[in-house]
Amino acid sequence: GTFDGKANTVTFETFGKGFGGDIGVMVGVNLDDDKIIGVGVTTHSETPGIGDQAKTNVAFSSQFKGMPLKDTFKVKTDGGQVDALSGATITSRGVSVAVTDAVKIYEKLKPQIADQLKTLSK
């Protein structure tokens, strides 16, 4: 993505295991400061009114925004800093795993992303 004419954002869709199956999560990363700019659930089969809040509860998804990539993306009961959704700890863990996987992919691809940005800015 771009901001002020400068490419500074990449997104990855990864998946974690929820209570009802796979949870698709889109994770945006700011290339300038290596922080999460946003997290959003794309697909799920979670329980209506409970686990499906991972997609609809802005307070849940927004807590990832601004987190440095070096942080531990785990729910608090597992030693992390993510507040789990009430009654949906498994769903919350699934989202956290998906965010962790996106960060791992970003870190692996970061040199190639930087090369692509150099090519784009020429």
PDB file of N, CA and C in Angstrom:
ATOM      1  N   GLY A   1       0.810  -1.174   0.000  1.00  0.00           N
ATOM      2  CA  GLY A   1       0.000   0.000   0.000  1.00  0.00           C
ATOM      3  C   GLY A   1       0.861   1.247   0.000  1.00  0.00           C
ATOM      4  N   THR A   2       0.254   2.374  -0.270  1.00  0.00           N
ATOM      5  CA  THR A   2       0.994   3.631  -0.290  1.00  0.00           C
ATOM      6  C   THR A   2       0.358   4.645   0.645  1.00  0.00           C
ATOM      7  N   PHE A   3       1.202   5.541   1.117  1.00  0.00           N
ATOM      8  CA  PHE A   3       0.761   6.669   1.918  1.00  0.00           C
ATOM      9  C   PHE A   3       1.601   7.854   1.500  1.00  0.00           C
ATOM     10  N   ASP A   4       0.956   8.927   1.141  1.00  0.00           N
ATOM     11  CA  ASP A   4       1.658  10.129   0.710  1.00  0.00           C
ATOM     12  C   ASP A   4       2.569   9.844  -0.481  1.00  0.00           C
ATOM     13  N   GLY A   5       2.107   8.936  -1.353  1.00  0.00           N
ATOM     14  CA  GLY A   5       2.863   8.604  -2.551  1.00  0.00           C
ATOM     15  C   GLY A   5       4.013   7.643  -2.345  1.00  0.00           C
ATOM     16  N   LYS A   6       4.176   7.149  -1.134  1.00  0.00           N
ATOM     17  CA  LYS A   6       5.292   6.249  -0.827  1.00  0.00           C
ATOM     18  C   LYS A   6       4.750   4.875  -0.431  1.00  0.00           C
ATOM     19  N   ALA A   7       5.312   3.844  -1.050  1.00  0.00           N
ATOM     20  CA  ALA A   7       4.914   2.478  -0.675  1.00  0.00           C
ATOM     21  C   ALA A   7       5.449   2.188   0.721  1.00  0.00           C
ATOM     22  N   ASN A   8       4.552   1.877   1.638  1.00  0.00           N
ATOM     23  CA  ASN A   8       5.002   1.643   3.010  1.00  0.00           C
ATOM     24  C   ASN A   8       4.220   0.560   3.748  1.00  0.00           C
ATOM     25  N   THR A   9       3.389  -0.189   3.032  1.00  0.00           N
ATOM     26  CA  THR A   9       2.546  -1.174   3.693  1.00  0.00           C
ATOM     27  C   THR A   9       2.460  -2.457   2.882  1.00  0.00           C
ATOM     28  N   VAL A  10       2.522  -3.582   3.587  1.00  0.00           N
ATOM     29  CA  VAL A  10       2.257  -4.879   2.964  1.00  0.00           C
ATOM     30  C   VAL A  10       1.211  -5.594   3.804  1.00  0.00           C
ATOM     31  N   THR A  11       0.460  -6.475   3.163  1.00  0.00           N
ATOM     32  CA  THR A  11      -0.530  -7.268   3.883  1.00  0.00           C
ATOM     33  C   THR A  11      -0.354  -8.739   3.535  1.00  0.00           C
ATOM     34  N   PHE A  12      -0.695  -9.566   4.486  1.00  0.00           N
ATOM     35  CA  PHE A  12      -0.628 -11.010   4.311  1.00  0.00           C
ATOM     36  C   PHE A  12      -1.905 -11.615   4.864  1.00  0.00           C
ATOM     37  N   GLU A  13      -2.439 -12.614   4.164  1.00  0.00           N
ATOM     38  CA  GLU A  13      -3.556 -13.370   4.723  1.00  0.00           C
ATOM     39  C   GLU A  13      -3.008 -14.706   5.197  1.00  0.00           C
ATOM     40  N   THR A  14      -3.229 -14.987   6.460  1.00  0.00           N
ATOM     41  CA  THR A  14      -2.789 -16.242   7.061  1.00  0.00           C
ATOM     42  C   THR A  14      -3.982 -16.855   7.781  1.00  0.00           C
ATOM     43  N   PHE A  15      -3.790 -18.056   8.289  1.00  0.00           N
ATOM     44  CA  PHE A  15      -4.897 -18.783   8.905  1.00  0.00           C
ATOM     45  C   PHE A  15      -4.493 -19.376  10.244  1.00  0.00           C
ATOM     46  N   GLY A  16      -5.433 -19.377  11.176  1.00  0.00           N
ATOM     47  CA  GLY A  16      -5.267 -20.021  12.464  1.00  0.00           C
ATOM     48  C   GLY A  16      -6.456 -20.938  12.702  1.00  0.00           C
ATOM     49  N   LYS A  17      -6.318 -21.828  13.662  1.00  0.00           N
ATOM     50  CA  LYS A  17      -7.403 -22.759  13.995  1.00  0.00           C
ATOM     51  C   LYS A  17      -8.301 -22.148  15.061  1.00  0.00           C
ATOM     52  N   GLY A  18      -9.566 -22.061  14.749  1.00  0.00           N
ATOM     53  CA  GLY A  18     -10.541 -21.585  15.711  1.00  0.00           C
ATOM     54  C   GLY A  18     -11.363 -22.740  16.243  1.00  0.00           C
ATOM     55  N   PHE A  19     -12.376 -22.425  17.025  1.00  0.00           N
ATOM     56  CA  PHE A  19     -13.260 -23.444  17.578  1.00  0.00           C
ATOM     57  C   PHE A  19     -14.041 -24.138  16.470  1.00  0.00           C
ATOM     58  N   GLY A  20     -14.439 -23.369  15.442  1.00  0.00           N
ATOM     59  CA  GLY A  20     -15.257 -23.917  14.364  1.00  0.00           C
ATOM     60  C   GLY A  20     -14.497 -24.249  13.092  1.00  0.00           C
ATOM     61  N   GLY A  21     -13.182 -24.132  13.120  1.00  0.00           N
ATOM     62  CA  GLY A  21     -12.382 -24.407  11.923  1.00  0.00           C
ATOM     63  C   GLY A  21     -11.373 -23.307  11.676  1.00  0.00           C
ATOM     64  N   ASP A  22     -10.908 -23.216  10.435  1.00  0.00           N
ATOM     65  CA  ASP A  22      -9.897 -22.224  10.086  1.00  0.00           C
ATOM     66  C   ASP A  22     -10.459 -20.804  10.151  1.00  0.00           C
ATOM     67  N   ILE A  23      -9.593 -19.893  10.601  1.00  0.00           N
ATOM     68  CA  ILE A  23      -9.921 -18.470  10.642  1.00  0.00           C
ATOM     69  C   ILE A  23      -8.932 -17.763   9.721  1.00  0.00           C
ATOM     70  N   GLY A  24      -9.444 -17.101   8.698  1.00  0.00           N
ATOM     71  CA  GLY A  24      -8.592 -16.312   7.809  1.00  0.00           C
ATOM     72  C   GLY A  24      -8.400 -14.925   8.393  1.00  0.00           C
ATOM     73  N   VAL A  25      -7.151 -14.472   8.412  1.00  0.00           N
ATOM     74  CA  VAL A  25      -6.840 -13.175   9.006  1.00  0.00           C
ATOM     75  C   VAL A  25      -5.934 -12.387   8.059  1.00  0.00           C
ATOM     76  N   MET A  26      -6.315 -11.151   7.758  1.00  0.00           N
ATOM     77  CA  MET A  26      -5.495 -10.245   6.967  1.00  0.00           C
ATOM     78  C   MET A  26      -4.722  -9.364   7.943  1.00  0.00           C
ATOM     79  N   VAL A  27      -3.395  -9.326   7.767  1.00  0.00           N
ATOM     80  CA  VAL A  27      -2.528  -8.568   8.665  1.00  0.00           C
ATOM     81  C   VAL A  27      -1.751  -7.547   7.846  1.00  0.00           C
ATOM     82  N   GLY A  28      -1.850  -6.277   8.229  1.00  0.00           N
ATOM     83  CA  GLY A  28      -1.107  -5.210   7.564  1.00  0.00           C
ATOM     84  C   GLY A  28       0.105  -4.821   8.384  1.00  0.00           C
ATOM     85  N   VAL A  29       1.240  -4.634   7.696  1.00  0.00           N
ATOM     86  CA  VAL A  29       2.489  -4.277   8.363  1.00  0.00           C
ATOM     87  C   VAL A  29       3.030  -2.988   7.748  1.00  0.00           C
ATOM     88  N   ASN A  30       3.421  -2.041   8.607  1.00  0.00           N
ATOM     89  CA  ASN A  30       4.057  -0.806   8.166  1.00  0.00           C
ATOM     90  C   ASN A  30       5.538  -1.083   7.945  1.00  0.00           C
ATOM     91  N   LEU A  31       6.014  -0.848   6.728  1.00  0.00           N
ATOM     92  CA  LEU A  31       7.404  -1.129   6.384  1.00  0.00           C
ATOM     93  C   LEU A  31       8.374  -0.152   7.030  1.00  0.00           C
ATOM     94  N   ASP A  32       7.904   1.039   7.366  1.00  0.00           N
ATOM     95  CA  ASP A  32       8.791   2.052   7.933  1.00  0.00           C
ATOM     96  C   ASP A  32       9.178   1.768   9.378  1.00  0.00           C
ATOM     97  N   ASP A  33       8.238   1.244  10.156  1.00  0.00           N
ATOM     98  CA  ASP A  33       8.541   1.032  11.577  1.00  0.00           C
ATOM     99  C   ASP A  33       8.335  -0.406  12.050  1.00  0.00           C
ATOM    100  N   ASP A  34       8.046  -1.322  11.115  1.00  0.00           N
ATOM    101  CA  ASP A  34       7.840  -2.734  11.467  1.00  0.00           C
ATOM    102  C   ASP A  34       6.810  -2.906  12.585  1.00  0.00           C
ATOM    103  N   LYS A  35       5.664  -2.278  12.403  1.00  0.00           N
ATOM    104  CA  LYS A  35       4.564  -2.426  13.355  1.00  0.00           C
ATOM    105  C   LYS A  35       3.311  -2.854  12.607  1.00  0.00           C
ATOM    106  N   ILE A  36       2.428  -3.518  13.340  1.00  0.00           N
ATOM    107  CA  ILE A  36       1.135  -3.919  12.794  1.00  0.00           C
ATOM    108  C   ILE A  36       0.296  -2.653  12.575  1.00  0.00           C
ATOM    109  N   ILE A  37      -0.283  -2.513  11.387  1.00  0.00           N
ATOM    110  CA  ILE A  37      -1.175  -1.365  11.164  1.00  0.00           C
ATOM    111  C   ILE A  37      -2.639  -1.774  11.213  1.00  0.00           C
ATOM    112  N   GLY A  38      -2.880  -3.064  11.120  1.00  0.00           N
ATOM    113  CA  GLY A  38      -4.256  -3.522  11.205  1.00  0.00           C
ATOM    114  C   GLY A  38      -4.373  -5.024  11.084  1.00  0.00           C
ATOM    115  N   VAL A  39      -5.427  -5.557  11.686  1.00  0.00           N
ATOM    116  CA  VAL A  39      -5.733  -6.985  11.648  1.00  0.00           C
ATOM    117  C   VAL A  39      -7.236  -7.107  11.418  1.00  0.00           C
ATOM    118  N   GLY A  40      -7.613  -7.969  10.490  1.00  0.00           N
ATOM    119  CA  GLY A  40      -9.029  -8.186  10.236  1.00  0.00           C
ATOM    120  C   GLY A  40      -9.307  -9.625   9.855  1.00  0.00           C
ATOM    121  N   VAL A  41     -10.363 -10.180  10.406  1.00  0.00           N
ATOM    122  CA  VAL A  41     -10.763 -11.548  10.077  1.00  0.00           C
ATOM    123  C   VAL A  41     -11.472 -11.521   8.726  1.00  0.00           C
ATOM    124  N   THR A  42     -11.046 -12.406   7.824  1.00  0.00           N
ATOM    125  CA  THR A  42     -11.632 -12.465   6.482  1.00  0.00           C
ATOM    126  C   THR A  42     -12.645 -13.597   6.349  1.00  0.00           C
ATOM    127  N   THR A  43     -12.356 -14.742   6.949  1.00  0.00           N
ATOM    128  CA  THR A  43     -13.252 -15.901   6.882  1.00  0.00           C
ATOM    129  C   THR A  43     -13.236 -16.637   8.216  1.00  0.00           C
ATOM    130  N   HIS A  44     -14.354 -17.265   8.540  1.00  0.00           N
ATOM    131  CA  HIS A  44     -14.421 -18.058   9.769  1.00  0.00           C
ATOM    132  C   HIS A  44     -15.694 -18.892   9.774  1.00  0.00           C
ATOM    133  N   SER A  45     -15.728 -19.856  10.683  1.00  0.00           N
ATOM    134  CA  SER A  45     -16.926 -20.665  10.936  1.00  0.00           C
ATOM    135  C   SER A  45     -17.178 -20.712  12.438  1.00  0.00           C
ATOM    136  N   GLU A  46     -16.944 -19.592  13.096  1.00  0.00           N
ATOM    137  CA  GLU A  46     -17.047 -19.538  14.547  1.00  0.00           C
ATOM    138  C   GLU A  46     -18.503 -19.388  14.998  1.00  0.00           C
ATOM    139  N   THR A  47     -18.739 -19.666  16.265  1.00  0.00           N
ATOM    140  CA  THR A  47     -20.076 -19.631  16.846  1.00  0.00           C
ATOM    141  C   THR A  47     -20.665 -18.221  16.785  1.00  0.00           C
ATOM    142  N   PRO A  48     -21.865 -18.085  16.218  1.00  0.00           N
ATOM    143  CA  PRO A  48     -22.506 -16.767  16.171  1.00  0.00           C
ATOM    144  C   PRO A  48     -22.682 -16.187  17.578  1.00  0.00           C
ATOM    145  N   GLY A  49     -22.354 -14.908  17.710  1.00  0.00           N
ATOM    146  CA  GLY A  49     -22.511 -14.223  18.987  1.00  0.00           C
ATOM    147  C   GLY A  49     -21.370 -14.428  19.957  1.00  0.00           C
ATOM    148  N   ILE A  50     -20.480 -15.362  19.662  1.00  0.00           N
ATOM    149  CA  ILE A  50     -19.343 -15.604  20.563  1.00  0.00           C
ATOM    150  C   ILE A  50     -18.054 -15.467  19.758  1.00  0.00           C
ATOM    151  N   GLY A  51     -17.641 -16.543  19.109  1.00  0.00           N
ATOM    152  CA  GLY A  51     -16.393 -16.527  18.351  1.00  0.00           C
ATOM    153  C   GLY A  51     -16.420 -15.627  17.133  1.00  0.00           C
ATOM    154  N   ASP A  52     -17.614 -15.410  16.586  1.00  0.00           N
ATOM    155  CA  ASP A  52     -17.678 -14.550  15.397  1.00  0.00           C
ATOM    156  C   ASP A  52     -17.362 -13.093  15.726  1.00  0.00           C
ATOM    157  N   GLN A  53     -17.266 -12.781  17.014  1.00  0.00           N
ATOM    158  CA  GLN A  53     -16.872 -11.432  17.415  1.00  0.00           C
ATOM    159  C   GLN A  53     -15.439 -11.104  17.004  1.00  0.00           C
ATOM    160  N   ALA A  54     -14.650 -12.123  16.685  1.00  0.00           N
ATOM    161  CA  ALA A  54     -13.291 -11.867  16.201  1.00  0.00           C
ATOM    162  C   ALA A  54     -13.341 -11.012  14.940  1.00  0.00           C
ATOM    163  N   LYS A  55     -14.420 -11.144  14.184  1.00  0.00           N
ATOM    164  CA  LYS A  55     -14.577 -10.353  12.959  1.00  0.00           C
ATOM    165  C   LYS A  55     -15.283  -9.025  13.214  1.00  0.00           C
ATOM    166  N   THR A  56     -16.198  -9.004  14.166  1.00  0.00           N
ATOM    167  CA  THR A  56     -17.050  -7.824  14.341  1.00  0.00           C
ATOM    168  C   THR A  56     -16.664  -6.920  15.509  1.00  0.00           C
ATOM    169  N   ASN A  57     -15.915  -7.425  16.468  1.00  0.00           N
ATOM    170  CA  ASN A  57     -15.569  -6.653  17.661  1.00  0.00           C
ATOM    171  C   ASN A  57     -14.322  -5.806  17.385  1.00  0.00           C
ATOM    172  N   VAL A  58     -14.539  -4.518  17.177  1.00  0.00           N
ATOM    173  CA  VAL A  58     -13.441  -3.610  16.836  1.00  0.00           C
ATOM    174  C   VAL A  58     -12.406  -3.543  17.958  1.00  0.00           C
ATOM    175  N   ALA A  59     -12.840  -3.611  19.202  1.00  0.00           N
ATOM    176  CA  ALA A  59     -11.901  -3.560  20.326  1.00  0.00           C
ATOM    177  C   ALA A  59     -10.933  -4.740  20.281  1.00  0.00           C
ATOM    178  N   PHE A  60     -11.412  -5.897  19.844  1.00  0.00           N
ATOM    179  CA  PHE A  60     -10.529  -7.067  19.748  1.00  0.00           C
ATOM    180  C   PHE A  60      -9.497  -6.872  18.646  1.00  0.00           C
ATOM    181  N   SER A  61      -9.942  -6.567  17.442  1.00  0.00           N
ATOM    182  CA  SER A  61      -9.001  -6.462  16.322  1.00  0.00           C
ATOM    183  C   SER A  61      -8.087  -5.251  16.440  1.00  0.00           C
ATOM    184  N   SER A  62      -8.573  -4.167  17.018  1.00  0.00           N
ATOM    185  CA  SER A  62      -7.758  -2.953  17.091  1.00  0.00           C
ATOM    186  C   SER A  62      -6.628  -3.045  18.110  1.00  0.00           C
ATOM    187  N   GLN A  63      -6.690  -4.016  19.020  1.00  0.00           N
ATOM    188  CA  GLN A  63      -5.615  -4.114  20.009  1.00  0.00           C
ATOM    189  C   GLN A  63      -4.280  -4.511  19.382  1.00  0.00           C
ATOM    190  N   PHE A  64      -4.301  -5.064  18.173  1.00  0.00           N
ATOM    191  CA  PHE A  64      -3.069  -5.434  17.492  1.00  0.00           C
ATOM    192  C   PHE A  64      -2.387  -4.222  16.854  1.00  0.00           C
ATOM    193  N   LYS A  65      -3.171  -3.187  16.540  1.00  0.00           N
ATOM    194  CA  LYS A  65      -2.644  -2.014  15.843  1.00  0.00           C
ATOM    195  C   LYS A  65      -1.535  -1.347  16.654  1.00  0.00           C
ATOM    196  N   GLY A  66      -0.418  -1.102  15.981  1.00  0.00           N
ATOM    197  CA  GLY A  66       0.714  -0.437  16.618  1.00  0.00           C
ATOM    198  C   GLY A  66       1.658  -1.368  17.352  1.00  0.00           C
ATOM    199  N   MET A  67       1.311  -2.653  17.422  1.00  0.00           N
ATOM    200  CA  MET A  67       2.190  -3.591  18.127  1.00  0.00           C
ATOM    201  C   MET A  67       3.450  -3.836  17.295  1.00  0.00           C
ATOM    202  N   PRO A  68       4.623  -3.709  17.927  1.00  0.00           N
ATOM    203  CA  PRO A  68       5.863  -4.028  17.214  1.00  0.00           C
ATOM    204  C   PRO A  68       5.900  -5.514  16.864  1.00  0.00           C
ATOM    205  N   LEU A  69       6.550  -5.840  15.773  1.00  0.00           N
ATOM    206  CA  LEU A  69       6.586  -7.229  15.321  1.00  0.00           C
ATOM    207  C   LEU A  69       7.332  -8.139  16.277  1.00  0.00           C
ATOM    208  N   LYS A  70       8.156  -7.573  17.137  1.00  0.00           N
ATOM    209  CA  LYS A  70       8.898  -8.392  18.098  1.00  0.00           C
ATOM    210  C   LYS A  70       8.022  -8.829  19.277  1.00  0.00           C
ATOM    211  N   ASP A  71       6.831  -8.259  19.385  1.00  0.00           N
ATOM    212  CA  ASP A  71       5.928  -8.627  20.477  1.00  0.00           C
ATOM    213  C   ASP A  71       5.480 -10.082  20.354  1.00  0.00           C
ATOM    214  N   THR A  72       4.954 -10.602  21.453  1.00  0.00           N
ATOM    215  CA  THR A  72       4.416 -11.954  21.478  1.00  0.00           C
ATOM    216  C   THR A  72       2.920 -11.882  21.228  1.00  0.00           C
ATOM    217  N   PHE A  73       2.491 -12.454  20.123  1.00  0.00           N
ATOM    218  CA  PHE A  73       1.078 -12.408  19.759  1.00  0.00           C
ATOM    219  C   PHE A  73       0.378 -13.648  20.308  1.00  0.00           C
ATOM    220  N   LYS A  74       0.131 -13.602  21.618  1.00  0.00           N
ATOM    221  CA  LYS A  74      -0.577 -14.674  22.317  1.00  0.00           C
ATOM    222  C   LYS A  74      -1.618 -14.029  23.218  1.00  0.00           C
ATOM    223  N   VAL A  75      -2.637 -14.809  23.555  1.00  0.00           N
ATOM    224  CA  VAL A  75      -3.616 -14.296  24.512  1.00  0.00           C
ATOM    225  C   VAL A  75      -2.967 -14.233  25.890  1.00  0.00           C
ATOM    226  N   LYS A  76      -3.481 -13.364  26.728  1.00  0.00           N
ATOM    227  CA  LYS A  76      -2.885 -13.145  28.049  1.00  0.00           C
ATOM    228  C   LYS A  76      -2.792 -14.421  28.876  1.00  0.00           C
ATOM    229  N   THR A  77      -3.789 -15.297  28.772  1.00  0.00           N
ATOM    230  CA  THR A  77      -3.751 -16.532  29.562  1.00  0.00           C
ATOM    231  C   THR A  77      -2.614 -17.452  29.123  1.00  0.00           C
ATOM    232  N   ASP A  78      -2.055 -17.203  27.934  1.00  0.00           N
ATOM    233  CA  ASP A  78      -0.920 -17.991  27.434  1.00  0.00           C
ATOM    234  C   ASP A  78       0.394 -17.228  27.552  1.00  0.00           C
ATOM    235  N   GLY A  79       0.387 -16.118  28.297  1.00  0.00           N
ATOM    236  CA  GLY A  79       1.606 -15.352  28.509  1.00  0.00           C
ATOM    237  C   GLY A  79       1.827 -14.222  27.522  1.00  0.00           C
ATOM    238  N   GLY A  80       0.835 -13.916  26.722  1.00  0.00           N
ATOM    239  CA  GLY A  80       0.962 -12.830  25.749  1.00  0.00           C
ATOM    240  C   GLY A  80       0.286 -11.565  26.232  1.00  0.00           C
ATOM    241  N   GLN A  81      -0.033 -10.684  25.286  1.00  0.00           N
ATOM    242  CA  GLN A  81      -0.655  -9.414  25.663  1.00  0.00           C
ATOM    243  C   GLN A  81      -1.970  -9.143  24.942  1.00  0.00           C
ATOM    244  N   VAL A  82      -2.535 -10.177  24.328  1.00  0.00           N
ATOM    245  CA  VAL A  82      -3.799 -10.026  23.611  1.00  0.00           C
ATOM    246  C   VAL A  82      -4.957 -10.395  24.537  1.00  0.00           C
ATOM    247  N   ASP A  83      -5.905  -9.477  24.676  1.00  0.00           N
ATOM    248  CA  ASP A  83      -7.113  -9.758  25.453  1.00  0.00           C
ATOM    249  C   ASP A  83      -8.014 -10.668  24.632  1.00  0.00           C
ATOM    250  N   ALA A  84      -8.273 -11.869  25.149  1.00  0.00           N
ATOM    251  CA  ALA A  84      -9.139 -12.822  24.452  1.00  0.00           C
ATOM    252  C   ALA A  84     -10.585 -12.347  24.506  1.00  0.00           C
ATOM    253  N   LEU A  85     -11.344 -12.735  23.504  1.00  0.00           N
ATOM    254  CA  LEU A  85     -12.778 -12.481  23.507  1.00  0.00           C
ATOM    255  C   LEU A  85     -13.420 -13.339  24.592  1.00  0.00           C
ATOM    256  N   SER A  86     -14.347 -12.782  25.340  1.00  0.00           N
ATOM    257  CA  SER A  86     -15.018 -13.520  26.401  1.00  0.00           C
ATOM    258  C   SER A  86     -15.747 -14.733  25.828  1.00  0.00           C
ATOM    259  N   GLY A  87     -15.428 -15.905  26.343  1.00  0.00           N
ATOM    260  CA  GLY A  87     -16.052 -17.137  25.885  1.00  0.00           C
ATOM    261  C   GLY A  87     -15.494 -17.676  24.582  1.00  0.00           C
ATOM    262  N   ALA A  88     -14.453 -17.025  24.066  1.00  0.00           N
ATOM    263  CA  ALA A  88     -13.908 -17.425  22.761  1.00  0.00           C
ATOM    264  C   ALA A  88     -12.378 -17.427  22.775  1.00  0.00           C
ATOM    265  N   THR A  89     -11.815 -18.056  23.797  1.00  0.00           N
ATOM    266  CA  THR A  89     -10.357 -18.102  23.906  1.00  0.00           C
ATOM    267  C   THR A  89      -9.734 -18.858  22.740  1.00  0.00           C
ATOM    268  N   ILE A  90     -10.353 -19.944  22.310  1.00  0.00           N
ATOM    269  CA  ILE A  90      -9.797 -20.723  21.194  1.00  0.00           C
ATOM    270  C   ILE A  90      -9.785 -19.877  19.920  1.00  0.00           C
ATOM    271  N   THR A  91     -10.843 -19.154  19.684  1.00  0.00           N
ATOM    272  CA  THR A  91     -10.906 -18.255  18.527  1.00  0.00           C
ATOM    273  C   THR A  91      -9.814 -17.196  18.623  1.00  0.00           C
ATOM    274  N   SER A  92      -9.667 -16.609  19.800  1.00  0.00           N
ATOM    275  CA  SER A  92      -8.656 -15.570  20.011  1.00  0.00           C
ATOM    276  C   SER A  92      -7.254 -16.121  19.792  1.00  0.00           C
ATOM    277  N   ARG A  93      -7.024 -17.343  20.238  1.00  0.00           N
ATOM    278  CA  ARG A  93      -5.728 -17.990  19.990  1.00  0.00           C
ATOM    279  C   ARG A  93      -5.504 -18.178  18.494  1.00  0.00           C
ATOM    280  N   GLY A  94      -6.537 -18.595  17.784  1.00  0.00           N
ATOM    281  CA  GLY A  94      -6.416 -18.803  16.344  1.00  0.00           C
ATOM    282  C   GLY A  94      -6.028 -17.531  15.614  1.00  0.00           C
ATOM    283  N   VAL A  95      -6.647 -16.421  15.993  1.00  0.00           N
ATOM    284  CA  VAL A  95      -6.299 -15.133  15.384  1.00  0.00           C
ATOM    285  C   VAL A  95      -4.858 -14.772  15.726  1.00  0.00           C
ATOM    286  N   SER A  96      -4.471 -14.977  16.974  1.00  0.00           N
ATOM    287  CA  SER A  96      -3.104 -14.659  17.399  1.00  0.00           C
ATOM    288  C   SER A  96      -2.074 -15.494  16.649  1.00  0.00           C
ATOM    289  N   VAL A  97      -2.368 -16.763  16.428  1.00  0.00           N
ATOM    290  CA  VAL A  97      -1.466 -17.632  15.653  1.00  0.00           C
ATOM    291  C   VAL A  97      -1.354 -17.125  14.220  1.00  0.00           C
ATOM    292  N   ALA A  98      -2.467 -16.721  13.641  1.00  0.00           N
ATOM    293  CA  ALA A  98      -2.445 -16.198  12.272  1.00  0.00           C
ATOM    294  C   ALA A  98      -1.598 -14.931  12.187  1.00  0.00           C
ATOM    295  N   VAL A  99      -1.702 -14.054  13.182  1.00  0.00           N
ATOM    296  CA  VAL A  99      -0.884 -12.835  13.200  1.00  0.00           C
ATOM    297  C   VAL A  99       0.592 -13.207  13.321  1.00  0.00           C
ATOM    298  N   THR A 100       0.903 -14.144  14.200  1.00  0.00           N
ATOM    299  CA  THR A 100       2.287 -14.606  14.355  1.00  0.00           C
ATOM    300  C   THR A 100       2.822 -15.158  13.044  1.00  0.00           C
ATOM    301  N   ASP A 101       2.025 -15.953  12.352  1.00  0.00           N
ATOM    302  CA  ASP A 101       2.455 -16.521  11.067  1.00  0.00           C
ATOM    303  C   ASP A 101       2.689 -15.430  10.024  1.00  0.00           C
ATOM    304  N   ALA A 102       1.838 -14.417  10.001  1.00  0.00           N
ATOM    305  CA  ALA A 102       2.023 -13.307   9.057  1.00  0.00           C
ATOM    306  C   ALA A 102       3.334 -12.579   9.331  1.00  0.00           C
ATOM    307  N   VAL A 103       3.645 -12.382  10.605  1.00  0.00           N
ATOM    308  CA  VAL A 103       4.901 -11.721  10.977  1.00  0.00           C
ATOM    309  C   VAL A 103       6.096 -12.557  10.522  1.00  0.00           C
ATOM    310  N   LYS A 104       6.019 -13.865  10.702  1.00  0.00           N
ATOM    311  CA  LYS A 104       7.110 -14.748  10.260  1.00  0.00           C
ATOM    312  C   LYS A 104       7.308 -14.658   8.744  1.00  0.00           C
ATOM    313  N   ILE A 105       6.214 -14.632   7.998  1.00  0.00           N
ATOM    314  CA  ILE A 105       6.304 -14.513   6.538  1.00  0.00           C
ATOM    315  C   ILE A 105       6.935 -13.172   6.169  1.00  0.00           C
ATOM    316  N   TYR A 106       6.478 -12.104   6.813  1.00  0.00           N
ATOM    317  CA  TYR A 106       7.030 -10.774   6.541  1.00  0.00           C
ATOM    318  C   TYR A 106       8.532 -10.748   6.805  1.00  0.00           C
ATOM    319  N   GLU A 107       8.943 -11.271   7.948  1.00  0.00           N
ATOM    320  CA  GLU A 107      10.363 -11.245   8.293  1.00  0.00           C
ATOM    321  C   GLU A 107      11.193 -12.043   7.293  1.00  0.00           C
ATOM    322  N   LYS A 108      10.649 -13.140   6.804  1.00  0.00           N
ATOM    323  CA  LYS A 108      11.352 -13.952   5.812  1.00  0.00           C
ATOM    324  C   LYS A 108      11.446 -13.218   4.468  1.00  0.00           C
ATOM    325  N   LEU A 109      10.389 -12.520   4.091  1.00  0.00           N
ATOM    326  CA  LEU A 109      10.334 -11.854   2.785  1.00  0.00           C
ATOM    327  C   LEU A 109      10.813 -10.403   2.797  1.00  0.00           C
ATOM    328  N   LYS A 110      11.133  -9.873   3.964  1.00  0.00           N
ATOM    329  CA  LYS A 110      11.486  -8.457   4.073  1.00  0.00           C
ATOM    330  C   LYS A 110      12.597  -8.034   3.108  1.00  0.00           C
ATOM    331  N   PRO A 111      13.685  -8.803   2.952  1.00  0.00           N
ATOM    332  CA  PRO A 111      14.719  -8.381   1.991  1.00  0.00           C
ATOM    333  C   PRO A 111      14.181  -8.280   0.561  1.00  0.00           C
ATOM    334  N   GLN A 112      13.337  -9.221   0.172  1.00  0.00           N
ATOM    335  CA  GLN A 112      12.761  -9.189  -1.176  1.00  0.00           C
ATOM    336  C   GLN A 112      11.780  -8.029  -1.331  1.00  0.00           C
ATOM    337  N   ILE A 113      11.037  -7.744  -0.283  1.00  0.00           N
ATOM    338  CA  ILE A 113      10.107  -6.611  -0.315  1.00  0.00           C
ATOM    339  C   ILE A 113      10.895  -5.312  -0.477  1.00  0.00           C
ATOM    340  N   ALA A 114      11.991  -5.181   0.267  1.00  0.00           N
ATOM    341  CA  ALA A 114      12.835  -3.984   0.171  1.00  0.00           C
ATOM    342  C   ALA A 114      13.388  -3.826  -1.240  1.00  0.00           C
ATOM    343  N   ASP A 115      13.807  -4.929  -1.854  1.00  0.00           N
ATOM    344  CA  ASP A 115      14.307  -4.878  -3.235  1.00  0.00           C
ATOM    345  C   ASP A 115      13.218  -4.417  -4.196  1.00  0.00           C
ATOM    346  N   GLN A 116      12.010  -4.926  -4.018  1.00  0.00           N
ATOM    347  CA  GLN A 116      10.892  -4.526  -4.874  1.00  0.00           C
ATOM    348  C   GLN A 116      10.581  -3.035  -4.721  1.00  0.00           C
ATOM    349  N   LEU A 117      10.669  -2.541  -3.492  1.00  0.00           N
ATOM    350  CA  LEU A 117      10.401  -1.125  -3.258  1.00  0.00           C
ATOM    351  C   LEU A 117      11.436  -0.248  -3.950  1.00  0.00           C
ATOM    352  N   LYS A 118      12.684  -0.692  -3.944  1.00  0.00           N
ATOM    353  CA  LYS A 118      13.735   0.062  -4.644  1.00  0.00           C
ATOM    354  C   LYS A 118      13.431   0.124  -6.132  1.00  0.00           C
ATOM    355  N   THR A 119      12.966  -0.989  -6.685  1.00  0.00           N
ATOM    356  CA  THR A 119      12.618  -1.046  -8.107  1.00  0.00           C
ATOM    357  C   THR A 119      11.445  -0.113  -8.412  1.00  0.00           C
ATOM    358  N   LEU A 120      10.457  -0.093  -7.533  1.00  0.00           N
ATOM    359  CA  LEU A 120       9.280   0.756  -7.740  1.00  0.00           C
ATOM    360  C   LEU A 120       9.602   2.243  -7.655  1.00  0.00           C
ATOM    361  N   SER A 121      10.567   2.586  -6.826  1.00  0.00           N
ATOM    362  CA  SER A 121      10.863   4.006  -6.616  1.00  0.00           C
ATOM    363  C   SER A 121      11.794   4.582  -7.679  1.00  0.00           C
ATOM    364  N   LYS A 122      12.249   3.751  -8.609  1.00  0.00           N
ATOM    365  CA  LYS A 122      13.142   4.248  -9.673  1.00  0.00           C
ATOM    366  C   LYS A 122      12.372   4.941 -10.753  1.00  0.00           C
TER     367      LYS A 122
END
